[in-house]
């Protein structure tokens, strides 16, 4: 019988493997450009007025090099940042100059701008959501750092706003443990393929192409 303890042990094992794989991944800059390029080439991106980008941390697929291009696209670009309560808030980014190195060497909105009314965005306003993660599977399952930051945010995303995760191929497994409340991705983009996941409430067989 599978227990909560054994599931958590399995999650910890896969999270450690995915971290190690991602840290060892060569050519991160080149592969990241390919992956983010695929994101910005999606028809869903072309159709979206408001798009959420994450800003890469440590060995994640790197996004910041393409943020400038996104800012020139005429779209509303939104980024998440973590407040003192450990919750993600959304910030309308209009210039890279609005960012500064914060706690843990993370690039985030400057303190004096964060709470300006015109800079605050609700999750329901986003048309397309870029999602980071530690490990994924071919069903669209996602595993983060275990803190639940993105799980809470994604619960408030519009049902018609596609959730698109970026990952290196080395972060994708056949199956990862998920719970009933876990949110599946609509798409996972790697340097080699597009993985079509189950999404939210739209159960379908994953198609890899």
C-alpha atoms as a PDB file:
ATOM      1  CA  UNK A   1       0.000   0.000   0.000  1.00  0.00           C
ATOM      2  CA  UNK A   2       1.302   3.430  -0.923  1.00  0.00           C
ATOM      3  CA  UNK A   3       1.558   5.731   2.090  1.00  0.00           C
ATOM      4  CA  UNK A   4       1.925   9.494   2.384  1.00  0.00           C
ATOM      5  CA  UNK A   5       5.448   8.909   3.659  1.00  0.00           C
ATOM      6  CA  UNK A   6       6.451   6.777   0.653  1.00  0.00           C
ATOM      7  CA  UNK A   7       4.928   9.336  -1.749  1.00  0.00           C
ATOM      8  CA  UNK A   8       6.874  12.120  -0.095  1.00  0.00           C
ATOM      9  CA  UNK A   9      10.061  10.053  -0.223  1.00  0.00           C
ATOM     10  CA  UNK A  10       9.488   9.452  -3.928  1.00  0.00           C
ATOM     11  CA  UNK A  11       8.906  13.173  -4.484  1.00  0.00           C
ATOM     12  CA  UNK A  12      12.088  14.055  -2.624  1.00  0.00           C
ATOM     13  CA  UNK A  13      14.057  11.504  -4.658  1.00  0.00           C
ATOM     14  CA  UNK A  14      12.740  12.786  -7.988  1.00  0.00           C
ATOM     15  CA  UNK A  15      13.188  16.415  -6.954  1.00  0.00           C
ATOM     16  CA  UNK A  16      16.832  15.719  -6.091  1.00  0.00           C
ATOM     17  CA  UNK A  17      17.391  13.890  -9.396  1.00  0.00           C
ATOM     18  CA  UNK A  18      15.779  16.674 -11.393  1.00  0.00           C
ATOM     19  CA  UNK A  19      17.852  19.324  -9.607  1.00  0.00           C
ATOM     20  CA  UNK A  20      21.037  17.369 -10.273  1.00  0.00           C
ATOM     21  CA  UNK A  21      20.098  16.854 -13.926  1.00  0.00           C
ATOM     22  CA  UNK A  22      19.285  20.531 -14.389  1.00  0.00           C
ATOM     23  CA  UNK A  23      22.455  21.712 -12.663  1.00  0.00           C
ATOM     24  CA  UNK A  24      24.549  19.439 -14.890  1.00  0.00           C
ATOM     25  CA  UNK A  25      22.771  20.462 -18.093  1.00  0.00           C
ATOM     26  CA  UNK A  26      25.310  21.929 -20.553  1.00  0.00           C
ATOM     27  CA  UNK A  27      24.549  24.815 -22.942  1.00  0.00           C
ATOM     28  CA  UNK A  28      21.795  26.254 -20.738  1.00  0.00           C
ATOM     29  CA  UNK A  29      21.873  29.630 -22.499  1.00  0.00           C
ATOM     30  CA  UNK A  30      21.518  28.150 -25.994  1.00  0.00           C
ATOM     31  CA  UNK A  31      18.841  25.645 -24.989  1.00  0.00           C
ATOM     32  CA  UNK A  32      16.946  28.291 -23.035  1.00  0.00           C
ATOM     33  CA  UNK A  33      16.828  30.562 -26.065  1.00  0.00           C
ATOM     34  CA  UNK A  34      15.388  27.673 -28.067  1.00  0.00           C
ATOM     35  CA  UNK A  35      12.764  26.892 -25.426  1.00  0.00           C
ATOM     36  CA  UNK A  36      11.682  30.497 -24.829  1.00  0.00           C
ATOM     37  CA  UNK A  37      11.658  31.016 -28.596  1.00  0.00           C
ATOM     38  CA  UNK A  38       9.203  28.122 -28.879  1.00  0.00           C
ATOM     39  CA  UNK A  39       7.043  29.757 -26.200  1.00  0.00           C
ATOM     40  CA  UNK A  40       6.974  33.075 -28.050  1.00  0.00           C
ATOM     41  CA  UNK A  41       6.163  31.270 -31.307  1.00  0.00           C
ATOM     42  CA  UNK A  42       3.023  29.644 -29.892  1.00  0.00           C
ATOM     43  CA  UNK A  43      -0.287  30.703 -31.422  1.00  0.00           C
ATOM     44  CA  UNK A  44      -1.481  31.127 -27.837  1.00  0.00           C
ATOM     45  CA  UNK A  45       1.251  33.735 -27.340  1.00  0.00           C
ATOM     46  CA  UNK A  46       0.264  35.591 -30.505  1.00  0.00           C
ATOM     47  CA  UNK A  47      -3.364  35.657 -29.358  1.00  0.00           C
ATOM     48  CA  UNK A  48      -2.623  36.774 -25.778  1.00  0.00           C
ATOM     49  CA  UNK A  49      -2.800  40.389 -24.663  1.00  0.00           C
ATOM     50  CA  UNK A  50      -1.459  39.762 -21.149  1.00  0.00           C
ATOM     51  CA  UNK A  51       1.315  37.184 -20.618  1.00  0.00           C
ATOM     52  CA  UNK A  52       3.008  36.077 -17.415  1.00  0.00           C
ATOM     53  CA  UNK A  53       6.742  35.344 -17.605  1.00  0.00           C
ATOM     54  CA  UNK A  54       8.754  33.984 -14.706  1.00  0.00           C
ATOM     55  CA  UNK A  55      12.266  35.308 -14.156  1.00  0.00           C
ATOM     56  CA  UNK A  56      14.738  32.456 -13.955  1.00  0.00           C
ATOM     57  CA  UNK A  57      16.493  31.553 -10.714  1.00  0.00           C
ATOM     58  CA  UNK A  58      19.661  29.465 -10.478  1.00  0.00           C
ATOM     59  CA  UNK A  59      19.575  26.658 -13.076  1.00  0.00           C
ATOM     60  CA  UNK A  60      16.010  27.115 -14.366  1.00  0.00           C
ATOM     61  CA  UNK A  61      15.351  27.593 -18.073  1.00  0.00           C
ATOM     62  CA  UNK A  62      16.588  31.149 -18.554  1.00  0.00           C
ATOM     63  CA  UNK A  63      13.987  33.707 -19.522  1.00  0.00           C
ATOM     64  CA  UNK A  64      15.413  37.122 -18.715  1.00  0.00           C
ATOM     65  CA  UNK A  65      17.328  37.464 -21.998  1.00  0.00           C
ATOM     66  CA  UNK A  66      14.012  37.338 -23.867  1.00  0.00           C
ATOM     67  CA  UNK A  67      12.067  39.598 -21.519  1.00  0.00           C
ATOM     68  CA  UNK A  68      13.280  42.677 -23.385  1.00  0.00           C
ATOM     69  CA  UNK A  69      11.840  41.275 -26.620  1.00  0.00           C
ATOM     70  CA  UNK A  70       8.566  40.547 -24.883  1.00  0.00           C
ATOM     71  CA  UNK A  71       8.433  44.090 -23.515  1.00  0.00           C
ATOM     72  CA  UNK A  72       8.765  45.431 -27.060  1.00  0.00           C
ATOM     73  CA  UNK A  73       5.898  43.273 -28.330  1.00  0.00           C
ATOM     74  CA  UNK A  74       3.108  45.589 -27.238  1.00  0.00           C
ATOM     75  CA  UNK A  75       1.722  42.943 -24.891  1.00  0.00           C
ATOM     76  CA  UNK A  76       1.187  43.471 -21.179  1.00  0.00           C
ATOM     77  CA  UNK A  77       3.996  41.507 -19.491  1.00  0.00           C
ATOM     78  CA  UNK A  78       3.479  40.337 -15.928  1.00  0.00           C
ATOM     79  CA  UNK A  79       5.992  38.738 -13.564  1.00  0.00           C
ATOM     80  CA  UNK A  80       5.445  37.054 -10.187  1.00  0.00           C
ATOM     81  CA  UNK A  81       7.309  37.997  -7.023  1.00  0.00           C
ATOM     82  CA  UNK A  82       7.199  36.507  -3.534  1.00  0.00           C
ATOM     83  CA  UNK A  83       6.020  38.730  -0.673  1.00  0.00           C
ATOM     84  CA  UNK A  84       6.993  38.499   3.001  1.00  0.00           C
ATOM     85  CA  UNK A  85       4.111  36.088   3.642  1.00  0.00           C
ATOM     86  CA  UNK A  86       5.452  33.610   1.118  1.00  0.00           C
ATOM     87  CA  UNK A  87       2.747  34.311  -1.453  1.00  0.00           C
ATOM     88  CA  UNK A  88       3.247  35.214  -5.089  1.00  0.00           C
ATOM     89  CA  UNK A  89       2.005  38.611  -6.228  1.00  0.00           C
ATOM     90  CA  UNK A  90       1.856  39.824  -9.815  1.00  0.00           C
ATOM     91  CA  UNK A  91       3.645  42.897 -11.167  1.00  0.00           C
ATOM     92  CA  UNK A  92       3.156  44.640 -14.498  1.00  0.00           C
ATOM     93  CA  UNK A  93       6.662  44.969 -15.948  1.00  0.00           C
ATOM     94  CA  UNK A  94       7.272  47.778 -18.445  1.00  0.00           C
ATOM     95  CA  UNK A  95      11.069  48.058 -18.330  1.00  0.00           C
ATOM     96  CA  UNK A  96      13.995  45.940 -17.191  1.00  0.00           C
ATOM     97  CA  UNK A  97      15.031  48.989 -15.148  1.00  0.00           C
ATOM     98  CA  UNK A  98      12.101  48.235 -12.833  1.00  0.00           C
ATOM     99  CA  UNK A  99      13.950  45.141 -11.579  1.00  0.00           C
ATOM    100  CA  UNK A 100      16.621  44.843  -8.915  1.00  0.00           C
ATOM    101  CA  UNK A 101      18.526  42.041  -7.194  1.00  0.00           C
ATOM    102  CA  UNK A 102      16.645  41.135  -4.025  1.00  0.00           C
ATOM    103  CA  UNK A 103      16.835  38.501  -1.327  1.00  0.00           C
ATOM    104  CA  UNK A 104      18.620  35.277  -2.311  1.00  0.00           C
ATOM    105  CA  UNK A 105      20.052  37.102  -5.360  1.00  0.00           C
ATOM    106  CA  UNK A 106      16.706  36.880  -7.142  1.00  0.00           C
ATOM    107  CA  UNK A 107      15.813  39.512  -9.728  1.00  0.00           C
ATOM    108  CA  UNK A 108      12.502  41.048  -8.666  1.00  0.00           C
ATOM    109  CA  UNK A 109      10.498  44.295  -8.851  1.00  0.00           C
ATOM    110  CA  UNK A 110      12.028  47.245  -7.057  1.00  0.00           C
ATOM    111  CA  UNK A 111      10.606  47.790  -3.583  1.00  0.00           C
ATOM    112  CA  UNK A 112       9.234  51.267  -4.272  1.00  0.00           C
ATOM    113  CA  UNK A 113       7.237  50.074  -7.303  1.00  0.00           C
ATOM    114  CA  UNK A 114       5.662  46.876  -6.042  1.00  0.00           C
ATOM    115  CA  UNK A 115       2.524  48.307  -4.488  1.00  0.00           C
ATOM    116  CA  UNK A 116       1.717  51.034  -6.979  1.00  0.00           C
ATOM    117  CA  UNK A 117      -1.900  50.440  -8.092  1.00  0.00           C
ATOM    118  CA  UNK A 118      -0.995  50.555 -11.776  1.00  0.00           C
ATOM    119  CA  UNK A 119       1.609  47.827 -11.244  1.00  0.00           C
ATOM    120  CA  UNK A 120      -0.660  45.305  -9.562  1.00  0.00           C
ATOM    121  CA  UNK A 121      -2.317  42.606 -11.640  1.00  0.00           C
ATOM    122  CA  UNK A 122      -4.860  39.935 -10.758  1.00  0.00           C
ATOM    123  CA  UNK A 123      -4.296  36.348 -11.868  1.00  0.00           C
ATOM    124  CA  UNK A 124      -7.614  36.404 -13.709  1.00  0.00           C
ATOM    125  CA  UNK A 125      -6.324  39.102 -16.063  1.00  0.00           C
ATOM    126  CA  UNK A 126      -3.613  36.848 -17.529  1.00  0.00           C
ATOM    127  CA  UNK A 127      -4.253  35.251 -20.927  1.00  0.00           C
ATOM    128  CA  UNK A 128      -1.185  32.966 -21.017  1.00  0.00           C
ATOM    129  CA  UNK A 129       0.865  31.708 -18.062  1.00  0.00           C
ATOM    130  CA  UNK A 130       4.536  30.680 -18.237  1.00  0.00           C
ATOM    131  CA  UNK A 131       5.297  28.242 -15.404  1.00  0.00           C
ATOM    132  CA  UNK A 132       8.648  27.110 -13.964  1.00  0.00           C
ATOM    133  CA  UNK A 133       9.186  23.836 -12.153  1.00  0.00           C
ATOM    134  CA  UNK A 134      11.687  21.289 -10.898  1.00  0.00           C
ATOM    135  CA  UNK A 135      10.296  18.114 -12.475  1.00  0.00           C
ATOM    136  CA  UNK A 136       7.527  17.247 -14.928  1.00  0.00           C
ATOM    137  CA  UNK A 137       5.989  14.178 -16.525  1.00  0.00           C
ATOM    138  CA  UNK A 138       4.454  13.395 -19.895  1.00  0.00           C
ATOM    139  CA  UNK A 139       0.913  13.813 -18.533  1.00  0.00           C
ATOM    140  CA  UNK A 140       1.633  17.451 -17.726  1.00  0.00           C
ATOM    141  CA  UNK A 141       2.259  16.767 -14.054  1.00  0.00           C
ATOM    142  CA  UNK A 142       4.462  19.332 -12.320  1.00  0.00           C
ATOM    143  CA  UNK A 143       6.618  19.272  -9.203  1.00  0.00           C
ATOM    144  CA  UNK A 144       7.931  22.502  -7.709  1.00  0.00           C
ATOM    145  CA  UNK A 145      10.103  23.117  -4.683  1.00  0.00           C
ATOM    146  CA  UNK A 146       7.410  21.858  -2.336  1.00  0.00           C
ATOM    147  CA  UNK A 147       6.360  25.252  -0.985  1.00  0.00           C
ATOM    148  CA  UNK A 148       3.172  25.507  -3.030  1.00  0.00           C
ATOM    149  CA  UNK A 149       3.798  29.056  -4.253  1.00  0.00           C
ATOM    150  CA  UNK A 150       2.774  28.422  -7.830  1.00  0.00           C
ATOM    151  CA  UNK A 151       0.014  25.969  -6.919  1.00  0.00           C
ATOM    152  CA  UNK A 152      -1.764  28.743  -5.010  1.00  0.00           C
ATOM    153  CA  UNK A 153      -1.277  31.243  -7.817  1.00  0.00           C
ATOM    154  CA  UNK A 154      -2.404  28.882 -10.572  1.00  0.00           C
ATOM    155  CA  UNK A 155      -5.630  28.114  -8.740  1.00  0.00           C
ATOM    156  CA  UNK A 156      -6.695  31.672  -9.554  1.00  0.00           C
ATOM    157  CA  UNK A 157      -5.747  31.598 -13.237  1.00  0.00           C
ATOM    158  CA  UNK A 158      -8.636  31.689 -15.694  1.00  0.00           C
ATOM    159  CA  UNK A 159      -9.679  28.233 -16.929  1.00  0.00           C
ATOM    160  CA  UNK A 160      -9.144  29.368 -20.524  1.00  0.00           C
ATOM    161  CA  UNK A 161      -5.628  30.731 -19.874  1.00  0.00           C
ATOM    162  CA  UNK A 162      -3.145  28.041 -21.026  1.00  0.00           C
ATOM    163  CA  UNK A 163      -0.521  26.953 -18.504  1.00  0.00           C
ATOM    164  CA  UNK A 164       2.771  26.457 -20.349  1.00  0.00           C
ATOM    165  CA  UNK A 165       5.788  25.096 -18.481  1.00  0.00           C
ATOM    166  CA  UNK A 166       9.388  25.506 -19.628  1.00  0.00           C
ATOM    167  CA  UNK A 167      11.858  22.721 -18.877  1.00  0.00           C
ATOM    168  CA  UNK A 168      15.026  21.100 -20.064  1.00  0.00           C
ATOM    169  CA  UNK A 169      14.448  17.589 -21.366  1.00  0.00           C
ATOM    170  CA  UNK A 170      16.450  16.219 -18.414  1.00  0.00           C
ATOM    171  CA  UNK A 171      13.681  17.425 -16.048  1.00  0.00           C
ATOM    172  CA  UNK A 172      10.958  15.318 -17.674  1.00  0.00           C
ATOM    173  CA  UNK A 173      10.094  11.876 -16.295  1.00  0.00           C
ATOM    174  CA  UNK A 174       7.581   9.233 -17.384  1.00  0.00           C
ATOM    175  CA  UNK A 175       5.542   9.829 -14.246  1.00  0.00           C
ATOM    176  CA  UNK A 176       5.853  11.859 -11.060  1.00  0.00           C
ATOM    177  CA  UNK A 177       3.684  11.530  -7.926  1.00  0.00           C
ATOM    178  CA  UNK A 178       0.752  13.952  -7.953  1.00  0.00           C
ATOM    179  CA  UNK A 179      -2.128  14.596  -5.579  1.00  0.00           C
ATOM    180  CA  UNK A 180      -5.758  15.327  -6.405  1.00  0.00           C
ATOM    181  CA  UNK A 181      -5.248  19.066  -5.878  1.00  0.00           C
ATOM    182  CA  UNK A 182      -2.172  19.264  -8.120  1.00  0.00           C
ATOM    183  CA  UNK A 183      -2.577  21.271 -11.312  1.00  0.00           C
ATOM    184  CA  UNK A 184      -1.530  19.760 -14.644  1.00  0.00           C
ATOM    185  CA  UNK A 185       0.077  21.815 -17.383  1.00  0.00           C
ATOM    186  CA  UNK A 186      -1.522  22.312 -20.795  1.00  0.00           C
ATOM    187  CA  UNK A 187       1.887  22.297 -22.489  1.00  0.00           C
ATOM    188  CA  UNK A 188       5.474  21.598 -21.499  1.00  0.00           C
ATOM    189  CA  UNK A 189       8.131  22.989 -23.828  1.00  0.00           C
ATOM    190  CA  UNK A 190      11.605  21.478 -23.848  1.00  0.00           C
ATOM    191  CA  UNK A 191      14.520  21.893 -26.243  1.00  0.00           C
ATOM    192  CA  UNK A 192      13.355  18.763 -28.100  1.00  0.00           C
ATOM    193  CA  UNK A 193       9.568  18.605 -28.042  1.00  0.00           C
ATOM    194  CA  UNK A 194       6.170  19.929 -27.083  1.00  0.00           C
ATOM    195  CA  UNK A 195       4.378  17.792 -24.502  1.00  0.00           C
ATOM    196  CA  UNK A 196       0.618  18.199 -24.407  1.00  0.00           C
ATOM    197  CA  UNK A 197      -0.591  17.679 -20.868  1.00  0.00           C
ATOM    198  CA  UNK A 198      -3.976  17.074 -19.297  1.00  0.00           C
ATOM    199  CA  UNK A 199      -4.472  20.673 -18.261  1.00  0.00           C
ATOM    200  CA  UNK A 200      -7.223  21.593 -15.803  1.00  0.00           C
ATOM    201  CA  UNK A 201     -10.336  19.489 -16.052  1.00  0.00           C
ATOM    202  CA  UNK A 202      -9.673  18.501 -19.634  1.00  0.00           C
ATOM    203  CA  UNK A 203      -8.493  14.929 -19.305  1.00  0.00           C
ATOM    204  CA  UNK A 204      -6.864  13.658 -22.459  1.00  0.00           C
ATOM    205  CA  UNK A 205      -4.050  11.355 -23.437  1.00  0.00           C
ATOM    206  CA  UNK A 206      -0.704  13.159 -23.582  1.00  0.00           C
ATOM    207  CA  UNK A 207       0.602  13.650 -27.103  1.00  0.00           C
ATOM    208  CA  UNK A 208       4.300  14.232 -27.571  1.00  0.00           C
ATOM    209  CA  UNK A 209       5.507  15.923 -30.683  1.00  0.00           C
END
